Protein backbone atom coordinates (compact mmCIF):
# COMPACT_ATOMS: atom_id res chain seq x y z
CA MET A 1 -16.60 31.77 -20.30
CA SER A 2 -20.54 30.34 -20.45
CA ASN A 3 -22.03 31.14 -17.46
CA LYS A 4 -24.54 27.94 -18.55
CA VAL A 5 -25.17 26.09 -14.95
CA GLY A 6 -25.89 22.56 -14.01
CA ALA A 7 -27.11 21.88 -10.64
CA ASP A 8 -26.04 19.02 -8.51
CA PRO A 9 -29.18 17.00 -7.69
CA GLU A 10 -28.06 16.78 -4.24
CA VAL A 11 -27.98 20.41 -4.03
CA PRO A 12 -31.22 22.63 -3.66
CA ALA A 13 -32.32 25.62 -5.23
CA LYS A 14 -29.91 28.33 -4.30
CA LYS A 15 -30.70 29.66 -0.62
CA PRO A 16 -28.58 32.07 1.71
CA LYS A 17 -25.75 30.77 3.51
CA GLU A 18 -24.24 30.27 6.61
CA GLU A 19 -20.03 31.52 6.71
CA GLU A 20 -18.85 28.51 6.32
CA PRO A 21 -15.40 27.46 7.61
CA GLU A 22 -12.50 29.44 6.29
CA GLN A 23 -10.46 26.41 3.60
CA GLU A 24 -7.35 25.32 5.50
CA SER A 25 -3.94 26.55 3.91
CA TRP A 26 -0.86 24.60 4.71
CA GLY A 27 1.74 26.61 7.23
CA ARG A 28 4.56 25.91 4.47
CA HIS A 29 5.22 24.81 0.83
CA LEU A 30 7.55 22.19 2.26
CA GLU A 31 4.65 20.61 4.42
CA PHE A 32 2.81 19.75 1.36
CA VAL A 33 5.89 18.68 -0.82
CA LEU A 34 6.87 16.20 2.17
CA SER A 35 3.06 15.08 2.58
CA CYS A 36 3.25 14.20 -1.00
CA ILE A 37 6.23 12.31 -0.87
CA GLY A 38 5.28 11.04 2.08
CA TYR A 39 1.58 9.99 0.65
CA CYS A 40 3.32 8.27 -2.89
CA VAL A 41 6.11 6.75 -0.85
CA GLY A 42 3.96 4.17 0.92
CA LEU A 43 4.81 0.15 1.83
CA GLY A 44 4.16 -1.16 -1.66
CA ASN A 45 7.68 0.66 -2.37
CA VAL A 46 9.19 -2.11 0.09
CA TRP A 47 7.07 -5.14 0.11
CA ARG A 48 6.04 -4.98 -3.96
CA PHE A 49 8.08 -2.78 -5.64
CA PRO A 50 11.58 -5.21 -5.41
CA TYR A 51 9.76 -8.79 -5.97
CA LEU A 52 8.10 -7.20 -9.51
CA ALA A 53 11.68 -5.46 -10.49
CA TYR A 54 12.86 -9.45 -9.57
CA GLN A 55 10.77 -11.35 -11.48
CA ASN A 56 9.95 -9.12 -14.63
CA GLY A 57 13.87 -9.26 -15.58
CA GLY A 58 15.37 -7.42 -12.81
CA GLY A 59 17.23 -3.98 -14.64
CA VAL A 60 15.25 -4.49 -17.41
CA PHE A 61 12.09 -3.86 -15.32
CA PHE A 62 12.77 -0.12 -14.54
CA ILE A 63 12.91 0.32 -18.42
CA PRO A 64 8.63 -0.17 -18.42
CA TYR A 65 8.66 1.56 -15.75
CA PHE A 66 9.79 4.97 -15.95
CA LEU A 67 8.14 4.77 -19.54
CA MET A 68 4.55 4.32 -17.88
CA LEU A 69 5.78 6.68 -15.80
CA PHE A 70 6.07 9.57 -18.24
CA LEU A 71 3.58 8.68 -20.31
CA CYS A 72 1.10 7.78 -17.87
CA GLY A 73 1.84 8.40 -13.71
CA ILE A 74 2.65 12.28 -14.28
CA PRO A 75 0.18 13.39 -16.47
CA LEU A 76 -2.43 11.75 -13.66
CA PHE A 77 -0.03 12.96 -11.06
CA TYR A 78 -0.56 16.93 -12.14
CA THR A 79 -4.16 16.34 -13.47
CA GLU A 80 -4.85 15.75 -9.49
CA LEU A 81 -3.16 18.03 -7.96
CA ALA A 82 -4.28 21.30 -10.46
CA MET A 83 -7.61 20.32 -9.61
CA GLY A 84 -7.47 19.91 -6.10
CA GLN A 85 -5.24 23.78 -5.67
CA PHE A 86 -7.21 25.88 -7.97
CA SER A 87 -10.64 25.15 -6.67
CA GLY A 88 -9.60 24.32 -2.75
CA LEU A 89 -11.96 21.16 -2.70
CA GLY A 90 -11.90 18.11 -1.36
CA THR A 91 -12.79 14.73 -2.72
CA LEU A 92 -16.49 15.62 -3.26
CA GLY A 93 -16.55 19.15 -3.66
CA VAL A 94 -13.97 19.20 -6.13
CA TRP A 95 -16.90 18.28 -8.39
CA LYS A 96 -18.40 20.83 -8.37
CA ALA A 97 -16.42 21.43 -12.05
CA VAL A 98 -18.51 18.39 -13.76
CA PRO A 99 -21.13 17.42 -10.64
CA CYS A 100 -22.69 14.76 -12.90
CA PHE A 101 -19.07 12.86 -12.23
CA LYS A 102 -19.53 13.96 -8.33
CA GLY A 103 -19.63 10.01 -8.36
CA ILE A 104 -16.05 9.66 -9.23
CA GLY A 105 -15.32 11.52 -5.74
CA TYR A 106 -17.75 8.84 -4.11
CA GLY A 107 -15.59 6.05 -5.35
CA MET A 108 -12.41 7.37 -4.97
CA ILE A 109 -13.60 7.61 -1.49
CA LEU A 110 -14.62 4.19 -1.74
CA VAL A 111 -11.23 2.83 -2.52
CA SER A 112 -9.70 4.50 0.22
CA PHE A 113 -11.39 3.48 3.11
CA MET A 114 -11.04 -0.41 2.35
CA VAL A 115 -7.36 0.49 1.49
CA ILE A 116 -6.98 2.69 5.03
CA ILE A 117 -8.94 -1.04 6.75
CA TYR A 118 -5.97 -3.47 5.60
CA TYR A 119 -2.96 -0.87 5.63
CA ASN A 120 -3.36 0.07 9.00
CA VAL A 121 -2.98 -3.19 10.34
CA VAL A 122 0.24 -3.09 8.06
CA ILE A 123 1.19 -0.69 10.52
CA ALA A 124 0.01 -2.67 13.68
CA TRP A 125 2.10 -5.84 11.80
CA SER A 126 5.15 -3.22 12.17
CA VAL A 127 4.91 -1.53 15.96
CA HIS A 128 4.18 -5.84 16.86
CA TYR A 129 7.57 -6.12 15.10
CA LEU A 130 9.04 -2.89 16.79
CA PHE A 131 8.36 -3.78 20.52
CA SER A 132 9.35 -7.29 20.15
CA GLY A 133 12.41 -6.28 18.76
CA PHE A 134 13.27 -4.66 21.88
CA GLN A 135 15.77 -7.51 22.74
CA LYS A 136 19.03 -8.68 22.75
CA VAL A 137 18.11 -11.54 20.82
CA LEU A 138 15.72 -11.08 18.37
CA PRO A 139 12.62 -13.34 19.05
CA TRP A 140 11.96 -14.15 14.91
CA THR A 141 15.75 -15.53 15.28
CA LYS A 142 15.07 -18.09 18.25
CA CYS A 143 14.44 -21.53 16.95
CA ASP A 144 12.79 -23.23 20.16
CA GLU A 145 10.02 -20.86 21.82
CA TRP A 146 6.69 -22.45 21.34
CA TRP A 147 5.85 -21.44 18.34
CA ASN A 148 8.85 -23.16 16.50
CA THR A 149 7.98 -26.40 14.85
CA PRO A 150 9.36 -29.81 16.53
CA ILE A 151 11.80 -29.84 13.99
CA THR A 152 13.11 -27.19 13.95
CA LYS A 153 13.57 -26.93 17.66
CA GLY A 154 15.16 -30.59 17.18
CA GLN A 155 17.63 -29.02 14.40
CA CYS A 156 18.48 -26.20 16.70
CA ALA A 157 18.98 -28.56 19.47
CA ILE A 158 21.56 -30.10 17.49
CA SER A 159 22.87 -26.95 15.66
CA LYS A 160 23.75 -25.99 19.24
CA ALA A 161 25.47 -29.10 20.10
CA VAL A 162 27.79 -29.82 17.03
CA ALA A 163 31.23 -27.95 16.96
CA GLU A 164 31.30 -25.00 14.90
CA ASP A 165 31.99 -26.75 11.56
CA GLN A 166 29.81 -29.31 11.19
CA LEU A 167 27.58 -26.15 10.66
CA ASP A 168 29.32 -25.40 7.52
CA CYS A 169 27.00 -26.79 4.90
CA ARG A 170 28.57 -25.13 1.77
CA ALA A 171 32.27 -26.73 2.28
CA ASP A 172 34.42 -26.74 -0.96
CA ASN A 173 35.34 -29.99 -0.49
CA VAL A 174 32.63 -32.54 -1.16
CA ALA A 175 34.57 -35.56 0.97
CA GLU A 176 34.87 -32.82 3.53
CA TYR A 177 30.97 -31.67 3.37
CA ASP A 178 29.71 -35.64 4.03
CA ARG A 179 32.12 -35.67 7.01
CA LEU A 180 31.51 -32.66 8.58
CA PHE A 181 28.28 -31.16 8.15
CA TRP A 182 25.93 -32.52 11.11
CA LYS A 183 23.14 -33.59 8.83
CA PHE A 184 25.39 -36.00 6.85
CA ASN A 185 27.94 -37.17 10.14
CA ALA A 186 26.33 -40.73 11.06
CA THR A 187 27.84 -40.21 14.33
CA VAL A 188 25.96 -37.51 14.93
CA ARG A 189 22.78 -38.78 13.74
CA ALA A 190 22.83 -42.26 16.06
CA GLU A 191 23.94 -40.46 18.74
CA TRP A 192 20.41 -37.51 18.72
CA GLU A 193 17.87 -40.28 16.89
CA PRO A 194 16.87 -41.39 20.54
CA VAL A 195 17.16 -38.19 21.56
CA LEU A 196 14.74 -36.04 19.77
CA LYS A 197 12.26 -39.35 19.62
CA ASN A 198 12.06 -39.56 23.69
CA GLN A 199 12.92 -35.99 24.90
CA TYR A 200 11.36 -33.66 21.67
CA ASN A 201 8.73 -36.19 20.88
CA LEU A 202 9.29 -36.65 17.21
CA THR A 203 8.02 -39.22 15.01
CA ASN A 204 10.19 -41.57 12.79
CA ASP A 205 9.30 -39.17 9.31
CA GLN A 206 9.88 -36.17 11.76
CA ILE A 207 13.34 -37.11 12.60
CA ALA A 208 14.04 -38.10 8.94
CA ASP A 209 13.54 -34.16 7.91
CA VAL A 210 16.29 -32.95 10.44
CA PHE A 211 18.42 -34.91 9.09
CA ASN A 212 16.78 -33.92 5.32
CA ALA A 213 20.08 -31.98 4.12
CA GLN A 214 17.01 -30.10 2.11
CA ILE A 215 15.24 -28.78 5.02
CA LYS A 216 16.22 -25.79 6.46
CA ALA A 217 15.32 -24.40 9.34
CA GLU A 218 13.51 -21.17 8.86
CA PRO A 219 12.53 -19.64 12.57
CA SER A 220 11.86 -16.07 11.14
CA GLU A 221 8.93 -17.41 8.86
CA GLU A 222 7.01 -19.33 11.71
CA TYR A 223 7.62 -16.70 14.65
CA TRP A 224 5.47 -14.62 11.07
CA PHE A 225 3.47 -17.40 10.43
CA ARG A 226 2.61 -18.97 14.34
CA ARG A 227 3.59 -16.22 16.56
CA VAL A 228 2.21 -13.01 14.88
CA LEU A 229 -0.47 -14.20 12.58
CA GLN A 230 -0.72 -17.65 14.33
CA LEU A 231 -2.25 -18.46 11.02
CA ASN A 232 -0.80 -21.98 11.61
CA ASP A 233 -0.18 -24.02 15.08
CA GLU A 234 -1.53 -27.04 16.65
CA PHE A 235 -4.94 -27.12 14.63
CA THR A 236 -3.44 -26.70 11.06
CA ASP A 237 -0.19 -29.69 12.62
CA ASN A 238 -2.80 -32.18 12.81
CA GLY A 239 -4.59 -31.01 10.07
CA GLY A 240 -6.80 -28.26 10.17
CA LYS A 241 -7.47 -25.50 8.35
CA TYR A 242 -8.39 -21.51 8.89
CA THR A 243 -10.50 -20.45 6.47
CA MET A 244 -12.83 -17.66 5.45
CA ASP A 245 -15.34 -19.73 6.95
CA GLU A 246 -13.31 -21.12 10.20
CA SER A 247 -11.44 -17.70 10.93
CA GLY A 248 -10.20 -18.99 14.66
CA ASN A 249 -9.26 -16.50 17.65
CA VAL A 250 -9.21 -12.90 17.86
CA LEU A 251 -5.88 -11.88 18.23
CA GLY A 252 -5.41 -9.96 21.13
CA ASP A 253 -1.67 -8.65 20.79
CA LEU A 254 -2.82 -7.66 17.24
CA VAL A 255 -5.78 -6.10 18.53
CA GLY A 256 -3.37 -3.75 20.82
CA SER A 257 -1.06 -3.01 18.09
CA ASN A 258 -4.07 -1.69 15.92
CA LEU A 259 -5.66 0.17 18.35
CA PHE A 260 -2.10 1.63 18.77
CA ALA A 261 -1.56 3.01 15.08
CA TRP A 262 -4.89 4.54 14.43
CA VAL A 263 -4.43 6.21 17.68
CA LEU A 264 -1.66 7.30 15.96
CA VAL A 265 -3.09 8.54 13.24
CA PHE A 266 -6.08 10.17 15.30
CA LEU A 267 -3.55 12.12 16.85
CA CYS A 268 -1.95 13.38 13.97
CA LEU A 269 -5.11 14.59 12.33
CA PHE A 270 -7.29 15.44 14.82
CA LYS A 271 -6.49 19.06 14.16
CA GLY A 272 -6.23 18.63 10.52
CA ILE A 273 -3.32 19.35 8.69
CA ALA A 274 -2.33 22.08 11.37
CA SER A 275 -1.32 18.98 13.00
CA SER A 276 -0.40 16.48 9.83
CA GLY A 277 1.57 19.27 7.94
CA LYS A 278 4.47 18.93 11.40
CA VAL A 279 4.61 15.18 11.84
CA VAL A 280 5.18 14.70 8.34
CA TYR A 281 8.87 16.47 9.12
CA PHE A 282 9.60 13.30 10.12
CA THR A 283 7.62 10.50 8.83
CA ALA A 284 8.15 11.53 5.19
CA THR A 285 12.15 12.33 5.96
CA PHE A 286 12.97 9.83 8.06
CA PRO A 287 12.72 6.30 5.75
CA TYR A 288 15.25 8.35 3.08
CA LEU A 289 17.68 8.34 6.72
CA VAL A 290 17.25 4.62 7.23
CA LEU A 291 17.59 3.49 3.84
CA LEU A 292 20.83 5.97 3.54
CA ILE A 293 22.07 3.41 6.63
CA LEU A 294 20.97 0.59 5.36
CA VAL A 295 22.84 1.05 1.75
CA ILE A 296 25.77 2.36 3.43
CA PHE A 297 25.73 -1.09 5.68
CA GLY A 298 24.34 -3.52 3.28
CA ALA A 299 27.40 -2.57 1.02
CA THR A 300 30.29 -3.20 3.33
CA LEU A 301 28.96 -7.32 3.82
CA GLU A 302 30.69 -9.70 1.80
CA GLY A 303 29.01 -10.57 -1.17
CA ALA A 304 27.00 -7.38 -1.47
CA GLY A 305 28.04 -6.53 -4.72
CA ASP A 306 27.00 -10.36 -5.91
CA GLY A 307 23.55 -9.52 -3.88
CA ILE A 308 22.95 -6.57 -6.81
CA ASP A 309 24.54 -7.92 -9.64
CA PHE A 310 21.70 -11.33 -9.00
CA TYR A 311 18.49 -8.95 -8.47
CA LEU A 312 19.37 -6.99 -11.20
CA ARG A 313 20.86 -8.63 -14.17
CA PRO A 314 18.96 -7.75 -16.96
CA ASP A 315 16.41 -10.26 -18.89
CA VAL A 316 16.00 -8.36 -21.82
CA SER A 317 13.46 -10.92 -23.23
CA LYS A 318 10.99 -9.90 -20.72
CA LEU A 319 10.71 -6.80 -22.56
CA SER A 320 8.52 -8.75 -25.14
CA ASP A 321 5.76 -9.64 -22.38
CA ALA A 322 2.67 -7.46 -22.52
CA GLY A 323 2.58 -8.89 -18.94
CA VAL A 324 5.39 -6.97 -17.71
CA TRP A 325 4.57 -3.30 -19.12
CA SER A 326 1.42 -4.50 -17.78
CA ALA A 327 2.79 -4.62 -14.08
CA ALA A 328 5.25 -1.93 -14.52
CA ALA A 329 1.80 0.39 -14.92
CA THR A 330 -0.11 -1.38 -12.23
CA GLN A 331 3.16 -0.47 -9.95
CA ILE A 332 2.78 3.57 -10.45
CA PHE A 333 -0.54 3.50 -10.01
CA PHE A 334 0.32 2.29 -6.18
CA SER A 335 4.15 4.25 -6.39
CA LEU A 336 2.33 7.89 -6.94
CA GLY A 337 -1.23 7.08 -5.61
CA VAL A 338 -3.24 8.78 -8.46
CA SER A 339 -6.65 8.00 -8.78
CA PHE A 340 -7.06 7.34 -5.22
CA GLY A 341 -8.00 11.50 -4.45
CA GLY A 342 -5.50 12.26 -1.89
CA LEU A 343 -3.49 14.14 -4.14
CA MET A 344 -6.61 16.53 -4.69
CA VAL A 345 -6.85 16.92 -1.29
CA MET A 346 -3.66 17.85 -0.28
CA ALA A 347 -3.35 20.10 -3.18
CA SER A 348 -6.73 21.67 -2.24
CA TYR A 349 -4.60 23.09 0.97
CA ASN A 350 -2.33 24.97 -1.54
CA LYS A 351 -2.95 29.06 -2.02
CA ASN A 352 -3.06 29.27 -5.54
CA CYS A 353 0.70 31.18 -5.85
CA VAL A 354 2.00 28.27 -5.52
CA SER A 355 3.32 25.45 -7.89
CA VAL A 356 2.26 22.35 -8.69
CA ASP A 357 5.46 21.76 -10.96
CA ALA A 358 7.39 21.56 -7.51
CA VAL A 359 6.07 18.52 -6.18
CA VAL A 360 6.18 16.27 -9.75
CA LYS A 361 8.41 -12.35 -2.18
CA SER A 362 6.25 -9.89 -2.73
CA GLY A 363 4.04 -8.51 0.05
CA PRO A 364 4.03 -8.87 3.59
CA GLY A 365 6.54 -11.81 3.41
CA LEU A 366 8.96 -9.79 2.45
CA ALA A 367 8.78 -7.24 5.04
CA PHE A 368 7.89 -9.28 7.55
CA ILE A 369 10.09 -12.43 6.86
CA ALA A 370 12.93 -12.14 4.66
CA TYR A 371 14.28 -8.07 6.07
CA PRO A 372 13.87 -10.82 9.57
CA GLU A 373 15.69 -13.11 8.61
CA ALA A 374 18.76 -10.53 7.10
CA MET A 375 18.32 -8.66 10.27
CA GLY A 376 19.52 -12.25 12.70
CA LEU A 377 22.15 -12.39 10.16
CA LEU A 378 23.83 -9.09 11.72
CA GLY A 379 24.98 -9.90 14.86
CA GLY A 380 25.13 -7.32 17.39
CA VAL A 381 23.57 -4.68 15.54
CA GLY A 382 20.64 -6.30 14.40
CA PRO A 383 18.40 -4.64 17.23
CA PHE A 384 19.30 -1.19 15.75
CA ILE A 385 19.03 -2.45 12.32
CA SER A 386 15.36 -4.03 13.13
CA PHE A 387 14.81 -0.54 15.02
CA LEU A 388 15.26 1.37 12.31
CA PHE A 389 13.47 -0.31 9.76
CA PHE A 390 10.33 -1.08 11.48
CA VAL A 391 10.10 2.88 12.21
CA MET A 392 10.96 2.95 8.87
CA LEU A 393 7.98 0.80 8.03
CA ILE A 394 5.77 2.37 10.42
CA THR A 395 6.36 6.00 9.15
CA LEU A 396 6.33 4.86 5.89
CA GLY A 397 2.25 3.81 6.14
CA LEU A 398 1.70 6.78 8.24
CA ASP A 399 2.13 8.83 5.82
CA SER A 400 -0.01 7.07 3.57
CA GLN A 401 -2.85 6.39 5.83
CA PHE A 402 -2.75 10.32 7.21
CA ALA A 403 -3.91 10.73 2.94
CA MET A 404 -6.14 8.27 2.86
CA VAL A 405 -7.84 8.79 5.82
CA ASP A 406 -8.28 12.92 4.57
CA ILE A 407 -9.47 11.52 1.96
CA GLY A 408 -12.37 10.18 3.23
CA VAL A 409 -12.66 13.30 6.12
CA ALA A 410 -12.21 15.98 3.46
CA GLY A 411 -15.49 14.58 1.89
CA PHE A 412 -17.66 14.74 4.96
CA PHE A 413 -16.52 18.31 5.25
CA ASP A 414 -17.05 19.80 1.80
CA GLU A 415 -20.84 17.66 2.37
CA PHE A 416 -21.30 19.43 5.84
CA PRO A 417 -18.43 22.39 6.40
CA GLN A 418 -20.66 22.97 9.92
CA PHE A 419 -18.12 19.98 11.29
CA LYS A 420 -15.08 21.83 10.13
CA LYS A 421 -13.99 23.59 13.57
CA GLY A 422 -13.35 22.73 16.40
CA TRP A 423 -14.46 19.77 19.19
CA LYS A 424 -17.12 18.65 15.95
CA LYS A 425 -14.08 17.73 13.45
CA THR A 426 -11.88 16.27 16.45
CA ILE A 427 -15.33 13.89 16.84
CA THR A 428 -15.64 13.28 13.08
CA VAL A 429 -12.01 11.93 12.62
CA GLY A 430 -12.95 9.85 16.05
CA ILE A 431 -15.38 8.41 14.59
CA TYR A 432 -14.14 7.91 11.34
CA CYS A 433 -10.73 6.20 12.65
CA LEU A 434 -12.94 4.01 15.06
CA ILE A 435 -15.01 2.55 12.40
CA GLY A 436 -12.11 1.66 9.91
CA PHE A 437 -10.60 -0.31 13.65
CA LEU A 438 -13.71 -1.92 13.99
CA LEU A 439 -13.92 -3.09 10.65
CA GLY A 440 -9.86 -4.35 11.28
CA PHE A 441 -10.84 -7.17 12.85
CA PRO A 442 -11.56 -9.53 10.40
CA LEU A 443 -7.92 -9.33 9.78
CA MET A 444 -6.79 -9.51 13.20
CA THR A 445 -7.99 -13.54 13.58
CA GLN A 446 -6.07 -16.03 13.04
CA ALA A 447 -7.09 -16.66 9.71
CA GLY A 448 -6.50 -12.52 9.11
CA LEU A 449 -3.97 -12.93 6.41
CA HIS A 450 -6.52 -14.58 4.36
CA TRP A 451 -8.58 -11.49 4.29
CA PHE A 452 -5.74 -9.26 4.49
CA ASN A 453 -5.05 -10.96 0.98
CA LEU A 454 -8.49 -10.46 -0.40
CA ILE A 455 -8.77 -6.74 0.61
CA ASN A 456 -5.72 -5.96 -0.60
CA ASP A 457 -5.64 -7.72 -4.12
CA TYR A 458 -9.17 -6.80 -4.98
CA SER A 459 -10.24 -3.33 -3.32
CA ALA A 460 -7.97 -0.94 -5.71
CA TYR A 461 -7.41 -3.20 -8.58
CA HIS A 462 -9.60 -3.68 -11.42
CA GLY A 463 -11.94 -0.66 -10.10
CA LEU A 464 -9.73 1.81 -9.44
CA LEU A 465 -7.75 1.13 -13.21
CA ILE A 466 -11.13 2.22 -14.54
CA LEU A 467 -11.70 5.10 -12.07
CA ALA A 468 -8.44 6.92 -13.22
CA LEU A 469 -10.05 6.21 -17.18
CA PHE A 470 -13.07 8.23 -15.89
CA PHE A 471 -11.02 10.93 -14.52
CA THR A 472 -8.64 11.62 -17.19
CA ILE A 473 -11.48 11.58 -19.46
CA THR A 474 -13.40 13.49 -17.33
CA VAL A 475 -11.46 16.47 -16.64
CA HIS A 476 -9.92 16.54 -19.89
CA PHE A 477 -13.10 15.50 -22.20
CA VAL A 478 -15.88 16.85 -20.63
CA TYR A 479 -14.53 19.91 -18.24
CA GLY A 480 -11.90 20.75 -20.83
CA PHE A 481 -14.41 21.45 -23.40
CA VAL A 482 -17.85 22.04 -22.44
CA THR A 483 -17.74 25.73 -21.88
CA GLU A 484 -14.94 26.94 -22.95
CA LYS A 485 -11.68 24.97 -25.19
CA PHE A 486 -9.61 23.68 -22.99
CA ARG A 487 -10.24 25.13 -19.44
CA PHE A 488 -8.28 23.10 -17.56
CA LEU A 489 -5.53 24.64 -19.04
CA SER A 490 -6.97 27.77 -18.59
CA ASN A 491 -7.34 27.16 -15.12
CA ILE A 492 -3.27 26.18 -14.72
CA LYS A 493 -2.06 28.74 -16.34
CA GLU A 494 -4.64 31.44 -14.27
CA MET A 495 -3.08 29.20 -11.14
CA ASN A 496 0.60 29.47 -12.50
CA GLY A 497 1.51 31.00 -15.51
CA GLU A 498 2.16 29.96 -19.36
CA MET A 499 3.71 26.69 -19.42
CA ASN A 500 7.07 26.27 -21.34
CA ILE A 501 6.65 25.26 -24.85
CA ILE A 502 8.43 21.90 -23.83
CA ALA A 503 6.07 20.96 -20.86
CA LYS A 504 2.66 21.97 -23.16
CA GLY A 505 3.62 19.47 -25.83
CA TYR A 506 4.27 17.06 -23.86
CA PHE A 507 1.37 17.38 -21.53
CA TYR A 508 -0.70 17.54 -24.69
CA ALA A 509 0.51 14.82 -26.28
CA ASN A 510 -0.82 12.27 -22.79
CA TRP A 511 -3.70 14.41 -21.57
CA TYR A 512 -5.89 14.07 -24.94
CA GLY A 513 -3.78 10.73 -26.25
CA LEU A 514 -1.64 8.65 -24.55
CA THR A 515 -2.40 8.42 -21.12
CA PRO A 516 -6.52 7.44 -22.00
CA ALA A 517 -5.11 5.16 -24.37
CA MET A 518 -2.26 3.44 -21.69
CA ILE A 519 -4.96 3.02 -19.04
CA ILE A 520 -7.11 1.17 -21.57
CA PHE A 521 -4.27 -0.93 -22.04
CA ILE A 522 -3.74 -1.59 -18.40
CA VAL A 523 -7.44 -2.34 -17.72
CA GLY A 524 -7.16 -4.44 -20.99
CA MET A 525 -4.68 -6.57 -19.23
CA ALA A 526 -6.15 -6.81 -15.94
CA PHE A 527 -9.41 -8.34 -16.69
CA ALA A 528 -7.26 -10.53 -19.64
CA GLY A 529 -5.28 -11.99 -16.45
CA TYR A 530 -7.65 -12.36 -14.00
CA LYS A 531 -7.87 -15.13 -11.89
CA THR A 532 -10.35 -15.66 -8.93
CA ILE A 533 -8.67 -15.38 -5.44
CA GLY A 534 -8.96 -19.06 -5.13
CA GLU A 535 -7.43 -19.77 -8.16
CA ALA A 536 -4.62 -17.34 -7.68
CA TYR A 537 -3.76 -18.91 -4.30
CA GLY A 538 -4.16 -21.89 -5.29
CA ASP A 539 -6.37 -23.09 -2.17
CA GLU A 540 -10.36 -23.28 -2.65
CA ASP A 541 -10.94 -24.61 0.42
CA VAL A 542 -9.27 -20.97 1.83
CA TYR A 543 -11.31 -18.97 -0.33
CA PRO A 544 -14.62 -20.56 -1.46
CA SER A 545 -17.17 -18.98 -4.02
CA TRP A 546 -18.15 -16.44 -1.87
CA THR A 547 -15.10 -14.53 -1.79
CA ASN A 548 -14.96 -14.72 -5.30
CA ASN A 549 -18.10 -13.24 -5.62
CA LEU A 550 -17.28 -10.06 -2.58
CA ALA A 551 -13.95 -9.49 -4.74
CA MET A 552 -15.42 -8.30 -7.34
CA VAL A 553 -18.20 -6.40 -5.69
CA MET A 554 -15.38 -4.51 -3.97
CA SER A 555 -13.12 -4.27 -6.83
CA MET A 556 -15.97 -2.59 -9.34
CA SER A 557 -18.14 -0.91 -6.49
CA PRO A 558 -16.49 2.67 -7.41
CA VAL A 559 -17.53 2.03 -11.13
CA ILE A 560 -20.92 1.34 -10.12
CA VAL A 561 -20.99 4.19 -7.60
CA THR A 562 -19.40 6.45 -10.38
CA VAL A 563 -22.37 4.97 -13.36
CA VAL A 564 -25.01 5.31 -10.91
CA TYR A 565 -24.48 8.70 -9.93
CA LEU A 566 -23.81 9.87 -13.44
CA VAL A 567 -27.00 8.34 -15.11
CA TYR A 568 -28.78 9.39 -11.68
CA SER A 569 -27.56 12.77 -12.30
CA LEU A 570 -28.02 13.92 -15.63
CA ILE A 571 -32.12 12.32 -15.29
CA ILE A 572 -32.69 14.37 -12.23
CA THR A 573 -30.99 17.66 -13.58
CA LYS A 574 -32.34 16.77 -17.36
CA GLY A 575 -28.87 16.86 -18.81
CA LYS A 576 -27.98 20.32 -16.98
CA SER A 577 -24.90 18.75 -14.38
CA ILE A 578 -22.68 18.22 -17.02
CA TYR A 579 -21.67 22.15 -16.88
CA PRO A 580 -19.86 23.34 -14.15
CA ALA A 581 -21.84 24.69 -10.82
CA GLU A 582 -22.79 27.81 -10.35
CA ASP A 583 -20.81 28.16 -7.55
CA PHE A 584 -17.37 26.39 -8.57
CA LYS A 585 -14.44 29.15 -8.49
CA PRO A 586 -11.14 29.24 -7.93
CA LYS A 587 -9.79 29.06 -4.02
CA ALA A 588 -9.44 32.30 -2.83
CA HIS A 589 -5.49 33.38 -2.30
């Protein structure tokens, strides 16, 4: 092995060092496994994957999904874990392996920091729903509250007053349907029109909408948009619009929920993995218990089989659509959390005697409209199911949030190890959480959903994909060959022993060919289908031109950081920083 050394431009000439705090380690191997599971299985699996599967061929979508998992996801997943475990270092320290590419570490921190801002707001929404659900009647099933529209209130009043058989809009007999269903009943309409006009102050057009069979009252949707987000209210009813330029008021209850969520994150992280490693015993396993209960309960409901058939019915023609393959590949990044740096950080706490092989309506509308609406149909067990579901969402969110916050904190400790111990560590974690909370304020205004869409759609997409390409090329081609052929593979052998022939063939083929090729394909598809956020949501009044510029800056910032640091480092060190740093060595057993 060559002893040629490259210096990181930020690291001065070698001088006597104070004794650094000992690197933390997991109490048990199970804590590491559960933390990885919790990190990978996040909120996106609840609201993004079901929508993608339905939109992209139903059951057929699993073919490109698992193929992309095999070709792209698992090789990247293993690489990130192995680099973190071998070095025992965090997001920045690990790049002592190739100092000039330390910008990849900064890019990972940048992406993860943008994500934690909006991700915690999702946990805050779940907290709001959790506590709001502690009622005999779930509030999002109500149709006569202050947040409901006049049309919904009118439909609600009539529905409560008419006979039960007049509520059935699905009668088998057309004549019976016309005679019984109250929206087609002339007597009901004649009786209620003056009430709606005088008592509910409805206009003639609104009364027509009340009796329009095509317009259905949506209490759960109104609760989401008019109560929780308050994106729609009297101002918007009268022609106004909350936009990125006109954010409206800060919503105090969401601020409180977001603060509560950040306090949970802080309490679970301020002692490092000594605390978070214990918390994951609950947060990583509870969602599976809830899902098992919901699956068993759902399977017993009338029409469950029809619903599953409708959702998963395969559309083979979708396999010829390149967009479906791109969607499957992109989802792998969000499902496994690769290239964010979280896997490296968690693996860095491993002892080297542990084998890495052991681990091996989209969006919020689905989680906060469709699912709550379904709970409202469950009668007396609705509040209990609501409790389970939103605790599940909170635990899913917290697991991923722990790892993403730790990415930035671990990077800071790599650079300033003197802050790793005692009260300094607590203060560091507290400040990081406080900054994340304060930067979340725009998302807690009445235009908060627009800010959420901006950060959610553009903070971790194009730049993250290119970062993944940089990562795999740097580890397998630069680090892997500059000083010693297949150096990365030697590191794995040093940790875990020789790979068997099947594993070796699989990983060699992917690391040195298929995985980079697939990432290039994904990046190409992402840019080919690029739309400004105004175009994507069909409203350029809500998203003015400056938001498009901000979106591209957020998306490409990790790439810019990586390239600028690479050029700077190579110039300053005269090319020597492409070689491993002198103090880069395996983590001590």
